[in-house]
Amino acid sequence: MGTSGTPEYRARRRAGEQQGRQRHEQTAVKRPRSEQAGPAPDGPERRSAATTCGWCSGPITPRQRGPIPKWCSATCRHWAWEQSRAASAGRTAVQVVERRVEIRVPLEPTRRDWPRLLGELAGQLDDGRVYDRDLPTLGRALDPVLRNYRRRARWSGAPDLP
Protein backbone atom coordinates (compact mmCIF):
# COMPACT_ATOMS: atom_id res chain seq x y z
CA MET A 1 0.00 0.00 0.00
CA GLY A 2 2.29 2.77 1.08
CA THR A 3 5.86 2.70 -0.12
CA SER A 4 8.30 5.43 0.61
CA GLY A 5 9.71 5.61 -2.86
CA THR A 6 12.19 3.65 -4.87
CA PRO A 7 15.33 2.15 -3.34
CA GLU A 8 17.46 4.75 -5.13
CA TYR A 9 15.40 7.60 -3.64
CA ARG A 10 15.72 6.15 -0.13
CA ALA A 11 19.50 5.80 -0.53
CA ARG A 12 19.85 9.44 -1.67
CA ARG A 13 17.72 10.60 1.24
CA ARG A 14 19.79 8.66 3.80
CA ALA A 15 23.00 10.08 2.35
CA GLY A 16 21.62 13.65 2.57
CA GLU A 17 20.61 13.15 6.18
CA GLN A 18 24.07 11.83 7.08
CA GLN A 19 25.76 14.80 5.39
CA GLY A 20 23.51 17.18 7.29
CA ARG A 21 24.40 15.51 10.61
CA GLN A 22 28.10 15.69 9.79
CA ARG A 23 27.88 19.40 8.93
CA HIS A 24 26.03 20.09 12.16
CA GLU A 25 28.65 18.23 14.22
CA GLN A 26 31.49 20.12 12.48
CA THR A 27 30.01 23.54 13.28
CA ALA A 28 29.45 22.49 16.90
CA VAL A 29 33.10 21.44 17.17
CA LYS A 30 34.40 24.65 15.55
CA ARG A 31 32.52 27.12 17.78
CA PRO A 32 31.16 26.04 21.12
CA ARG A 33 28.00 27.79 22.32
CA SER A 34 29.78 29.77 25.02
CA GLU A 35 32.13 31.37 22.47
CA GLN A 36 29.44 32.49 20.07
CA ALA A 37 29.06 36.24 19.58
CA GLY A 38 26.07 37.83 21.31
CA PRO A 39 23.56 36.50 23.78
CA ALA A 40 21.00 33.84 23.10
CA PRO A 41 17.99 35.24 21.24
CA ASP A 42 15.63 34.69 24.19
CA GLY A 43 18.15 34.45 27.00
CA PRO A 44 18.05 36.26 30.34
CA GLU A 45 20.45 38.92 29.05
CA ARG A 46 17.96 40.03 26.42
CA ARG A 47 15.05 40.04 28.87
CA SER A 48 16.93 42.18 31.37
CA ALA A 49 18.05 44.59 28.61
CA ALA A 50 14.46 45.74 27.95
CA THR A 51 13.97 47.85 31.08
CA THR A 52 12.83 51.24 29.71
CA CYS A 53 9.73 52.17 27.76
CA GLY A 54 10.28 53.07 24.13
CA TRP A 55 7.90 56.04 24.38
CA CYS A 56 8.14 57.63 27.82
CA SER A 57 11.42 56.06 29.03
CA GLY A 58 9.59 54.79 32.11
CA PRO A 59 10.57 51.51 33.79
CA ILE A 60 9.44 48.16 32.40
CA THR A 61 9.40 45.00 34.47
CA PRO A 62 10.02 42.10 32.08
CA ARG A 63 8.05 38.94 32.73
CA GLN A 64 9.56 35.47 32.92
CA ARG A 65 7.73 34.24 29.83
CA GLY A 66 5.98 35.69 26.83
CA PRO A 67 6.97 38.47 24.47
CA ILE A 68 9.49 41.04 25.63
CA PRO A 69 7.60 44.32 26.14
CA LYS A 70 8.64 47.54 24.42
CA TRP A 71 6.25 49.85 26.27
CA CYS A 72 5.29 50.25 29.90
CA SER A 73 1.55 50.59 29.27
CA ALA A 74 -1.16 50.37 26.65
CA THR A 75 -1.25 54.17 26.53
CA CYS A 76 2.42 54.40 25.54
CA ARG A 77 1.90 51.65 22.97
CA HIS A 78 -1.02 53.60 21.50
CA TRP A 79 0.96 56.87 21.35
CA ALA A 80 3.84 55.07 19.62
CA TRP A 81 1.42 53.51 17.15
CA GLU A 82 -0.10 56.91 16.34
CA GLN A 83 3.36 58.41 15.82
CA SER A 84 4.49 55.61 13.51
CA ARG A 85 1.20 55.72 11.60
CA ALA A 86 1.50 59.46 11.07
CA ALA A 87 5.16 59.13 10.06
CA SER A 88 4.32 56.46 7.48
CA ALA A 89 1.72 58.82 5.99
CA GLY A 90 4.28 61.62 5.81
CA ARG A 91 2.59 63.75 8.46
CA THR A 92 3.18 64.58 12.08
CA ALA A 93 0.96 63.19 14.78
CA VAL A 94 0.23 66.65 16.14
CA GLN A 95 -0.62 69.46 13.78
CA VAL A 96 0.24 72.96 14.89
CA VAL A 97 -2.43 75.44 13.88
CA GLU A 98 -1.43 79.06 13.76
CA ARG A 99 -4.03 81.74 13.68
CA ARG A 100 -4.09 85.44 14.29
CA VAL A 101 -6.23 86.54 17.20
CA GLU A 102 -7.27 90.15 17.48
CA ILE A 103 -7.78 91.54 20.93
CA ARG A 104 -9.67 94.79 21.16
CA VAL A 105 -7.91 97.20 23.42
CA PRO A 106 -10.06 100.07 24.61
CA LEU A 107 -8.47 103.29 23.47
CA GLU A 108 -8.81 106.72 25.01
CA PRO A 109 -11.61 108.49 23.12
CA THR A 110 -10.42 111.35 20.93
CA ARG A 111 -12.25 114.61 20.20
CA ARG A 112 -13.86 112.96 17.17
CA ASP A 113 -15.22 110.08 19.29
CA TRP A 114 -17.05 112.23 21.90
CA PRO A 115 -20.12 113.17 19.81
CA ARG A 116 -20.74 109.51 18.94
CA LEU A 117 -20.17 108.34 22.52
CA LEU A 118 -22.42 111.05 23.99
CA GLY A 119 -25.08 110.19 21.41
CA GLU A 120 -24.84 106.54 22.43
CA LEU A 121 -25.16 107.54 26.10
CA ALA A 122 -28.25 109.62 25.27
CA GLY A 123 -29.77 106.67 23.43
CA GLN A 124 -29.12 104.33 26.36
CA LEU A 125 -30.66 106.82 28.79
CA ASP A 126 -33.71 107.19 26.56
CA ASP A 127 -34.14 103.40 26.11
CA GLY A 128 -33.78 102.72 29.82
CA ARG A 129 -30.58 100.69 29.40
CA VAL A 130 -28.93 102.71 32.18
CA TYR A 131 -30.22 101.68 35.61
CA ASP A 132 -31.95 104.24 37.80
CA ARG A 133 -29.47 103.49 40.55
CA ASP A 134 -26.66 104.72 38.23
CA LEU A 135 -28.30 108.09 37.43
CA PRO A 136 -26.95 110.02 40.47
CA THR A 137 -23.38 108.93 39.73
CA LEU A 138 -23.82 109.75 36.05
CA GLY A 139 -25.25 113.20 36.95
CA ARG A 140 -22.28 113.93 39.21
CA ALA A 141 -19.91 112.92 36.36
CA LEU A 142 -21.77 115.05 33.77
CA ASP A 143 -21.97 118.15 35.96
CA PRO A 144 -18.29 119.18 35.53
CA VAL A 145 -18.52 118.33 31.82
CA LEU A 146 -21.48 120.70 31.35
CA ARG A 147 -19.88 123.41 33.51
CA ASN A 148 -16.63 123.29 31.51
CA TYR A 149 -18.51 123.22 28.21
CA ARG A 150 -20.48 126.37 29.11
CA ARG A 151 -17.31 128.16 30.19
CA ARG A 152 -15.53 127.27 26.92
CA ALA A 153 -18.63 128.09 24.84
CA ARG A 154 -18.72 131.67 26.24
CA TRP A 155 -15.02 132.09 25.63
CA SER A 156 -14.93 130.58 22.08
CA GLY A 157 -18.37 131.61 20.83
CA ALA A 158 -19.76 128.02 20.54
CA PRO A 159 -23.53 127.61 20.95
CA ASP A 160 -24.64 127.48 24.56
CA LEU A 161 -26.74 124.64 25.97
CA PRO A 162 -30.18 125.34 27.42
C-alpha atoms as a PDB file:
ATOM      1  CA  MET A   1       0.000   0.000   0.000  1.00  0.00           C
ATOM      2  CA  GLY A   2       2.292   2.773   1.076  1.00  0.00           C
ATOM      3  CA  THR A   3       5.855   2.696  -0.123  1.00  0.00           C
ATOM      4  CA  SER A   4       8.300   5.427   0.605  1.00  0.00           C
ATOM      5  CA  GLY A   5       9.706   5.610  -2.858  1.00  0.00           C
ATOM      6  CA  THR A   6      12.192   3.651  -4.871  1.00  0.00           C
ATOM      7  CA  PRO A   7      15.332   2.148  -3.342  1.00  0.00           C
ATOM      8  CA  GLU A   8      17.464   4.750  -5.131  1.00  0.00           C
ATOM      9  CA  TYR A   9      15.399   7.604  -3.645  1.00  0.00           C
ATOM     10  CA  ARG A  10      15.720   6.153  -0.129  1.00  0.00           C
ATOM     11  CA  ALA A  11      19.499   5.798  -0.531  1.00  0.00           C
ATOM     12  CA  ARG A  12      19.854   9.440  -1.665  1.00  0.00           C
ATOM     13  CA  ARG A  13      17.719  10.601   1.243  1.00  0.00           C
ATOM     14  CA  ARG A  14      19.793   8.660   3.795  1.00  0.00           C
ATOM     15  CA  ALA A  15      23.004  10.076   2.349  1.00  0.00           C
ATOM     16  CA  GLY A  16      21.625  13.648   2.569  1.00  0.00           C
ATOM     17  CA  GLU A  17      20.609  13.152   6.180  1.00  0.00           C
ATOM     18  CA  GLN A  18      24.073  11.828   7.079  1.00  0.00           C
ATOM     19  CA  GLN A  19      25.761  14.800   5.386  1.00  0.00           C
ATOM     20  CA  GLY A  20      23.508  17.177   7.294  1.00  0.00           C
ATOM     21  CA  ARG A  21      24.399  15.512  10.609  1.00  0.00           C
ATOM     22  CA  GLN A  22      28.104  15.688   9.792  1.00  0.00           C
ATOM     23  CA  ARG A  23      27.876  19.405   8.933  1.00  0.00           C
ATOM     24  CA  HIS A  24      26.030  20.094  12.161  1.00  0.00           C
ATOM     25  CA  GLU A  25      28.651  18.235  14.221  1.00  0.00           C
ATOM     26  CA  GLN A  26      31.485  20.123  12.478  1.00  0.00           C
ATOM     27  CA  THR A  27      30.009  23.536  13.276  1.00  0.00           C
ATOM     28  CA  ALA A  28      29.454  22.488  16.899  1.00  0.00           C
ATOM     29  CA  VAL A  29      33.101  21.440  17.173  1.00  0.00           C
ATOM     30  CA  LYS A  30      34.403  24.653  15.548  1.00  0.00           C
ATOM     31  CA  ARG A  31      32.519  27.123  17.781  1.00  0.00           C
ATOM     32  CA  PRO A  32      31.157  26.036  21.118  1.00  0.00           C
ATOM     33  CA  ARG A  33      28.001  27.794  22.317  1.00  0.00           C
ATOM     34  CA  SER A  34      29.775  29.774  25.024  1.00  0.00           C
ATOM     35  CA  GLU A  35      32.131  31.374  22.472  1.00  0.00           C
ATOM     36  CA  GLN A  36      29.437  32.493  20.068  1.00  0.00           C
ATOM     37  CA  ALA A  37      29.064  36.244  19.575  1.00  0.00           C
ATOM     38  CA  GLY A  38      26.066  37.828  21.308  1.00  0.00           C
ATOM     39  CA  PRO A  39      23.560  36.502  23.784  1.00  0.00           C
ATOM     40  CA  ALA A  40      21.001  33.841  23.096  1.00  0.00           C
ATOM     41  CA  PRO A  41      17.986  35.245  21.241  1.00  0.00           C
ATOM     42  CA  ASP A  42      15.630  34.693  24.187  1.00  0.00           C
ATOM     43  CA  GLY A  43      18.155  34.446  27.002  1.00  0.00           C
ATOM     44  CA  PRO A  44      18.046  36.262  30.336  1.00  0.00           C
ATOM     45  CA  GLU A  45      20.454  38.919  29.048  1.00  0.00           C
ATOM     46  CA  ARG A  46      17.963  40.035  26.423  1.00  0.00           C
ATOM     47  CA  ARG A  47      15.050  40.038  28.871  1.00  0.00           C
ATOM     48  CA  SER A  48      16.931  42.177  31.370  1.00  0.00           C
ATOM     49  CA  ALA A  49      18.050  44.593  28.609  1.00  0.00           C
ATOM     50  CA  ALA A  50      14.464  45.744  27.946  1.00  0.00           C
ATOM     51  CA  THR A  51      13.975  47.853  31.081  1.00  0.00           C
ATOM     52  CA  THR A  52      12.832  51.242  29.714  1.00  0.00           C
ATOM     53  CA  CYS A  53       9.729  52.173  27.764  1.00  0.00           C
ATOM     54  CA  GLY A  54      10.283  53.068  24.131  1.00  0.00           C
ATOM     55  CA  TRP A  55       7.903  56.039  24.377  1.00  0.00           C
ATOM     56  CA  CYS A  56       8.140  57.635  27.820  1.00  0.00           C
ATOM     57  CA  SER A  57      11.419  56.056  29.032  1.00  0.00           C
ATOM     58  CA  GLY A  58       9.590  54.792  32.111  1.00  0.00           C
ATOM     59  CA  PRO A  59      10.567  51.512  33.792  1.00  0.00           C
ATOM     60  CA  ILE A  60       9.438  48.158  32.397  1.00  0.00           C
ATOM     61  CA  THR A  61       9.401  45.003  34.469  1.00  0.00           C
ATOM     62  CA  PRO A  62      10.018  42.103  32.079  1.00  0.00           C
ATOM     63  CA  ARG A  63       8.049  38.942  32.730  1.00  0.00           C
ATOM     64  CA  GLN A  64       9.557  35.468  32.917  1.00  0.00           C
ATOM     65  CA  ARG A  65       7.734  34.241  29.835  1.00  0.00           C
ATOM     66  CA  GLY A  66       5.979  35.690  26.830  1.00  0.00           C
ATOM     67  CA  PRO A  67       6.966  38.471  24.473  1.00  0.00           C
ATOM     68  CA  ILE A  68       9.493  41.036  25.625  1.00  0.00           C
ATOM     69  CA  PRO A  69       7.597  44.320  26.138  1.00  0.00           C
ATOM     70  CA  LYS A  70       8.644  47.544  24.423  1.00  0.00           C
ATOM     71  CA  TRP A  71       6.245  49.852  26.271  1.00  0.00           C
ATOM     72  CA  CYS A  72       5.291  50.249  29.899  1.00  0.00           C
ATOM     73  CA  SER A  73       1.549  50.589  29.265  1.00  0.00           C
ATOM     74  CA  ALA A  74      -1.157  50.369  26.647  1.00  0.00           C
ATOM     75  CA  THR A  75      -1.254  54.174  26.533  1.00  0.00           C
ATOM     76  CA  CYS A  76       2.420  54.401  25.543  1.00  0.00           C
ATOM     77  CA  ARG A  77       1.900  51.647  22.974  1.00  0.00           C
ATOM     78  CA  HIS A  78      -1.019  53.601  21.496  1.00  0.00           C
ATOM     79  CA  TRP A  79       0.964  56.865  21.351  1.00  0.00           C
ATOM     80  CA  ALA A  80       3.843  55.070  19.617  1.00  0.00           C
ATOM     81  CA  TRP A  81       1.421  53.510  17.146  1.00  0.00           C
ATOM     82  CA  GLU A  82      -0.104  56.912  16.342  1.00  0.00           C
ATOM     83  CA  GLN A  83       3.355  58.406  15.820  1.00  0.00           C
ATOM     84  CA  SER A  84       4.492  55.614  13.506  1.00  0.00           C
ATOM     85  CA  ARG A  85       1.203  55.715  11.596  1.00  0.00           C
ATOM     86  CA  ALA A  86       1.505  59.465  11.069  1.00  0.00           C
ATOM     87  CA  ALA A  87       5.160  59.127  10.060  1.00  0.00           C
ATOM     88  CA  SER A  88       4.321  56.464   7.480  1.00  0.00           C
ATOM     89  CA  ALA A  89       1.717  58.818   5.987  1.00  0.00           C
ATOM     90  CA  GLY A  90       4.281  61.623   5.815  1.00  0.00           C
ATOM     91  CA  ARG A  91       2.585  63.750   8.459  1.00  0.00           C
ATOM     92  CA  THR A  92       3.175  64.578  12.078  1.00  0.00           C
ATOM     93  CA  ALA A  93       0.957  63.189  14.782  1.00  0.00           C
ATOM     94  CA  VAL A  94       0.233  66.653  16.139  1.00  0.00           C
ATOM     95  CA  GLN A  95      -0.620  69.458  13.776  1.00  0.00           C
ATOM     96  CA  VAL A  96       0.238  72.961  14.894  1.00  0.00           C
ATOM     97  CA  VAL A  97      -2.431  75.435  13.879  1.00  0.00           C
ATOM     98  CA  GLU A  98      -1.427  79.063  13.759  1.00  0.00           C
ATOM     99  CA  ARG A  99      -4.027  81.743  13.684  1.00  0.00           C
ATOM    100  CA  ARG A 100      -4.085  85.436  14.287  1.00  0.00           C
ATOM    101  CA  VAL A 101      -6.230  86.535  17.201  1.00  0.00           C
ATOM    102  CA  GLU A 102      -7.269  90.150  17.476  1.00  0.00           C
ATOM    103  CA  ILE A 103      -7.783  91.540  20.929  1.00  0.00           C
ATOM    104  CA  ARG A 104      -9.674  94.789  21.155  1.00  0.00           C
ATOM    105  CA  VAL A 105      -7.910  97.202  23.417  1.00  0.00           C
ATOM    106  CA  PRO A 106     -10.061 100.070  24.609  1.00  0.00           C
ATOM    107  CA  LEU A 107      -8.474 103.290  23.474  1.00  0.00           C
ATOM    108  CA  GLU A 108      -8.811 106.721  25.007  1.00  0.00           C
ATOM    109  CA  PRO A 109     -11.607 108.491  23.124  1.00  0.00           C
ATOM    110  CA  THR A 110     -10.425 111.347  20.935  1.00  0.00           C
ATOM    111  CA  ARG A 111     -12.249 114.613  20.199  1.00  0.00           C
ATOM    112  CA  ARG A 112     -13.863 112.959  17.170  1.00  0.00           C
ATOM    113  CA  ASP A 113     -15.217 110.077  19.292  1.00  0.00           C
ATOM    114  CA  TRP A 114     -17.049 112.229  21.897  1.00  0.00           C
ATOM    115  CA  PRO A 115     -20.120 113.168  19.806  1.00  0.00           C
ATOM    116  CA  ARG A 116     -20.736 109.510  18.936  1.00  0.00           C
ATOM    117  CA  LEU A 117     -20.170 108.339  22.522  1.00  0.00           C
ATOM    118  CA  LEU A 118     -22.416 111.054  23.988  1.00  0.00           C
ATOM    119  CA  GLY A 119     -25.083 110.186  21.407  1.00  0.00           C
ATOM    120  CA  GLU A 120     -24.837 106.545  22.430  1.00  0.00           C
ATOM    121  CA  LEU A 121     -25.163 107.541  26.104  1.00  0.00           C
ATOM    122  CA  ALA A 122     -28.250 109.621  25.273  1.00  0.00           C
ATOM    123  CA  GLY A 123     -29.774 106.667  23.435  1.00  0.00           C
ATOM    124  CA  GLN A 124     -29.119 104.325  26.362  1.00  0.00           C
ATOM    125  CA  LEU A 125     -30.655 106.822  28.791  1.00  0.00           C
ATOM    126  CA  ASP A 126     -33.706 107.193  26.563  1.00  0.00           C
ATOM    127  CA  ASP A 127     -34.138 103.405  26.114  1.00  0.00           C
ATOM    128  CA  GLY A 128     -33.778 102.717  29.823  1.00  0.00           C
ATOM    129  CA  ARG A 129     -30.580 100.693  29.403  1.00  0.00           C
ATOM    130  CA  VAL A 130     -28.934 102.707  32.184  1.00  0.00           C
ATOM    131  CA  TYR A 131     -30.225 101.682  35.606  1.00  0.00           C
ATOM    132  CA  ASP A 132     -31.952 104.244  37.797  1.00  0.00           C
ATOM    133  CA  ARG A 133     -29.467 103.490  40.548  1.00  0.00           C
ATOM    134  CA  ASP A 134     -26.657 104.716  38.231  1.00  0.00           C
ATOM    135  CA  LEU A 135     -28.298 108.087  37.434  1.00  0.00           C
ATOM    136  CA  PRO A 136     -26.954 110.024  40.471  1.00  0.00           C
ATOM    137  CA  THR A 137     -23.383 108.932  39.725  1.00  0.00           C
ATOM    138  CA  LEU A 138     -23.824 109.755  36.048  1.00  0.00           C
ATOM    139  CA  GLY A 139     -25.254 113.198  36.948  1.00  0.00           C
ATOM    140  CA  ARG A 140     -22.283 113.935  39.206  1.00  0.00           C
ATOM    141  CA  ALA A 141     -19.908 112.924  36.364  1.00  0.00           C
ATOM    142  CA  LEU A 142     -21.765 115.048  33.769  1.00  0.00           C
ATOM    143  CA  ASP A 143     -21.975 118.146  35.962  1.00  0.00           C
ATOM    144  CA  PRO A 144     -18.287 119.184  35.535  1.00  0.00           C
ATOM    145  CA  VAL A 145     -18.523 118.332  31.824  1.00  0.00           C
ATOM    146  CA  LEU A 146     -21.483 120.700  31.346  1.00  0.00           C
ATOM    147  CA  ARG A 147     -19.878 123.412  33.509  1.00  0.00           C
ATOM    148  CA  ASN A 148     -16.625 123.290  31.510  1.00  0.00           C
ATOM    149  CA  TYR A 149     -18.513 123.215  28.210  1.00  0.00           C
ATOM    150  CA  ARG A 150     -20.484 126.366  29.110  1.00  0.00           C
ATOM    151  CA  ARG A 151     -17.314 128.159  30.190  1.00  0.00           C
ATOM    152  CA  ARG A 152     -15.529 127.268  26.925  1.00  0.00           C
ATOM    153  CA  ALA A 153     -18.632 128.090  24.841  1.00  0.00           C
ATOM    154  CA  ARG A 154     -18.718 131.669  26.245  1.00  0.00           C
ATOM    155  CA  TRP A 155     -15.020 132.090  25.626  1.00  0.00           C
ATOM    156  CA  SER A 156     -14.925 130.583  22.083  1.00  0.00           C
ATOM    157  CA  GLY A 157     -18.365 131.610  20.832  1.00  0.00           C
ATOM    158  CA  ALA A 158     -19.758 128.024  20.537  1.00  0.00           C
ATOM    159  CA  PRO A 159     -23.531 127.607  20.954  1.00  0.00           C
ATOM    160  CA  ASP A 160     -24.645 127.482  24.559  1.00  0.00           C
ATOM    161  CA  LEU A 161     -26.736 124.635  25.969  1.00  0.00           C
ATOM    162  CA  PRO A 162     -30.185 125.337  27.420  1.00  0.00           C
END
